[in-house]
């Protein structure tokens, strides 16, 4: 089952780039919880459900004309999947492109859907949270 979880996370990442937030929702349970970066104290309780995903991704993308996530590595941890990648975006109204590492840990897989995702601003932070080293 764990390879199926890796494939699910990979497909959700690819769906984002082809169709945005609405394209990823089918990969997530209705009662999914997304946890933003740890530096976002106002959101420690997480973003709940598909509306929560819409809210958080809106926070990420509102400042960009273009926004993409490239998954570079997916690690199978049995009941969790660590995704390591990068986001890039073109700042709204300009030619400035920003690139930044992004990582996540997907968990609570059930009925072919992801039930929980925690996001990290660095690969190192995500790997440490997963009990791994680079």
Protein backbone atom coordinates (compact mmCIF):
# COMPACT_ATOMS: atom_id res chain seq x y z
CA UNK A 1 0.00 0.00 0.00
CA UNK A 2 2.85 2.45 0.64
CA UNK A 3 3.87 2.68 -3.06
CA UNK A 4 0.25 3.57 -3.78
CA UNK A 5 0.58 6.41 -1.24
CA UNK A 6 3.73 7.68 -2.96
CA UNK A 7 1.96 7.57 -6.32
CA UNK A 8 -1.01 9.42 -4.85
CA UNK A 9 1.17 12.26 -3.52
CA UNK A 10 3.07 12.45 -6.82
CA UNK A 11 -0.19 12.56 -8.81
CA UNK A 12 -1.61 15.29 -6.56
CA UNK A 13 1.52 17.38 -7.14
CA UNK A 14 1.27 16.90 -10.90
CA UNK A 15 -2.45 17.74 -10.82
CA UNK A 16 -1.67 21.10 -9.22
CA UNK A 17 0.49 22.07 -12.18
CA UNK A 18 -2.08 20.99 -14.74
CA UNK A 19 -5.23 22.33 -13.09
CA UNK A 20 -4.57 24.27 -9.90
CA UNK A 21 -6.34 23.84 -6.61
CA UNK A 22 -9.55 22.34 -7.96
CA UNK A 23 -7.55 19.63 -9.72
CA UNK A 24 -5.94 18.43 -6.47
CA UNK A 25 -9.08 18.18 -4.36
CA UNK A 26 -10.04 14.66 -5.57
CA UNK A 27 -6.77 13.39 -4.06
CA UNK A 28 -7.72 14.56 -0.56
CA UNK A 29 -10.31 13.27 1.92
CA UNK A 30 -13.26 15.58 2.55
CA UNK A 31 -12.06 16.03 6.15
CA UNK A 32 -8.40 16.56 5.23
CA UNK A 33 -6.24 18.79 7.41
CA UNK A 34 -3.39 20.82 5.94
CA UNK A 35 -0.83 22.34 8.29
CA UNK A 36 0.97 25.44 7.02
CA UNK A 37 4.61 26.26 7.66
CA UNK A 38 5.57 26.34 11.33
CA UNK A 39 6.30 30.09 11.08
CA UNK A 40 2.58 30.71 10.53
CA UNK A 41 1.35 30.74 14.17
CA UNK A 42 -2.17 31.89 13.25
CA UNK A 43 -2.73 28.60 11.47
CA UNK A 44 -1.46 26.05 14.01
CA UNK A 45 -4.89 24.44 14.08
CA UNK A 46 -4.57 23.65 10.41
CA UNK A 47 -6.78 24.24 7.41
CA UNK A 48 -9.72 21.86 7.36
CA UNK A 49 -11.47 20.25 4.42
CA UNK A 50 -11.40 21.23 0.78
CA UNK A 51 -12.27 24.82 1.69
CA UNK A 52 -9.21 24.87 3.93
CA UNK A 53 -7.06 23.73 1.02
CA UNK A 54 -8.54 26.51 -1.12
CA UNK A 55 -7.82 29.08 1.60
CA UNK A 56 -4.22 28.04 2.19
CA UNK A 57 -3.33 27.73 -1.49
CA UNK A 58 -4.95 31.11 -2.08
CA UNK A 59 -2.65 32.58 0.56
CA UNK A 60 0.30 31.09 -1.31
CA UNK A 61 -0.69 32.06 -4.84
CA UNK A 62 -2.43 35.45 -4.52
CA UNK A 63 0.85 37.33 -5.08
CA UNK A 64 1.76 35.44 -8.24
CA UNK A 65 0.70 35.45 -11.88
CA UNK A 66 2.24 32.00 -12.30
CA UNK A 67 2.77 29.39 -9.58
CA UNK A 68 4.09 25.85 -9.98
CA UNK A 69 5.29 23.08 -7.70
CA UNK A 70 7.90 20.65 -8.94
CA UNK A 71 8.17 17.41 -7.01
CA UNK A 72 11.78 16.28 -7.11
CA UNK A 73 11.81 13.38 -4.67
CA UNK A 74 9.16 11.30 -2.94
CA UNK A 75 10.17 9.08 -0.02
CA UNK A 76 8.10 6.14 1.12
CA UNK A 77 7.96 5.89 4.90
CA UNK A 78 5.24 3.27 5.05
CA UNK A 79 2.33 5.18 6.55
CA UNK A 80 3.78 8.58 5.53
CA UNK A 81 5.22 10.09 2.36
CA UNK A 82 7.84 12.81 2.35
CA UNK A 83 7.71 14.99 -0.76
CA UNK A 84 10.67 17.23 -1.54
CA UNK A 85 10.45 19.83 -4.25
CA UNK A 86 10.44 23.46 -5.20
CA UNK A 87 7.84 26.07 -5.93
CA UNK A 88 8.35 28.78 -8.45
CA UNK A 89 6.23 31.76 -9.19
CA UNK A 90 6.23 34.93 -11.20
CA UNK A 91 5.41 37.87 -8.94
CA UNK A 92 2.11 39.45 -9.96
CA UNK A 93 2.57 42.38 -12.35
CA UNK A 94 6.31 41.89 -12.81
CA UNK A 95 8.95 39.76 -14.49
CA UNK A 96 10.41 38.68 -11.13
CA UNK A 97 10.52 34.93 -10.64
CA UNK A 98 10.88 33.42 -7.19
CA UNK A 99 12.02 29.87 -6.53
CA UNK A 100 12.00 28.25 -3.10
CA UNK A 101 12.34 24.75 -1.69
CA UNK A 102 9.15 23.26 -0.33
CA UNK A 103 8.53 19.95 1.38
CA UNK A 104 5.61 18.10 2.88
CA UNK A 105 4.72 15.01 4.81
CA UNK A 106 1.51 13.32 3.74
CA UNK A 107 -0.19 10.94 6.15
CA UNK A 108 -3.53 9.49 7.26
CA UNK A 109 -4.01 7.73 3.93
CA UNK A 110 -7.43 6.14 3.63
CA UNK A 111 -9.74 5.01 0.87
CA UNK A 112 -7.22 6.10 -1.75
CA UNK A 113 -7.03 9.67 -0.45
CA UNK A 114 -4.65 11.79 1.62
CA UNK A 115 -6.04 12.75 5.02
CA UNK A 116 -3.33 15.05 6.36
CA UNK A 117 -0.42 17.09 5.00
CA UNK A 118 2.14 19.17 6.85
CA UNK A 119 4.25 21.67 4.90
CA UNK A 120 7.83 22.79 5.48
CA UNK A 121 9.93 25.61 4.03
CA UNK A 122 13.03 23.44 3.75
CA UNK A 123 13.88 19.89 2.91
CA UNK A 124 16.00 19.63 6.03
CA UNK A 125 13.10 20.60 8.29
CA UNK A 126 10.80 18.02 6.67
CA UNK A 127 13.39 15.25 6.81
CA UNK A 128 14.10 15.98 10.48
CA UNK A 129 10.36 15.96 11.26
CA UNK A 130 10.17 12.56 9.56
CA UNK A 131 13.12 11.27 11.59
CA UNK A 132 15.45 11.18 8.58
CA UNK A 133 18.65 12.91 7.56
CA UNK A 134 19.49 14.22 4.12
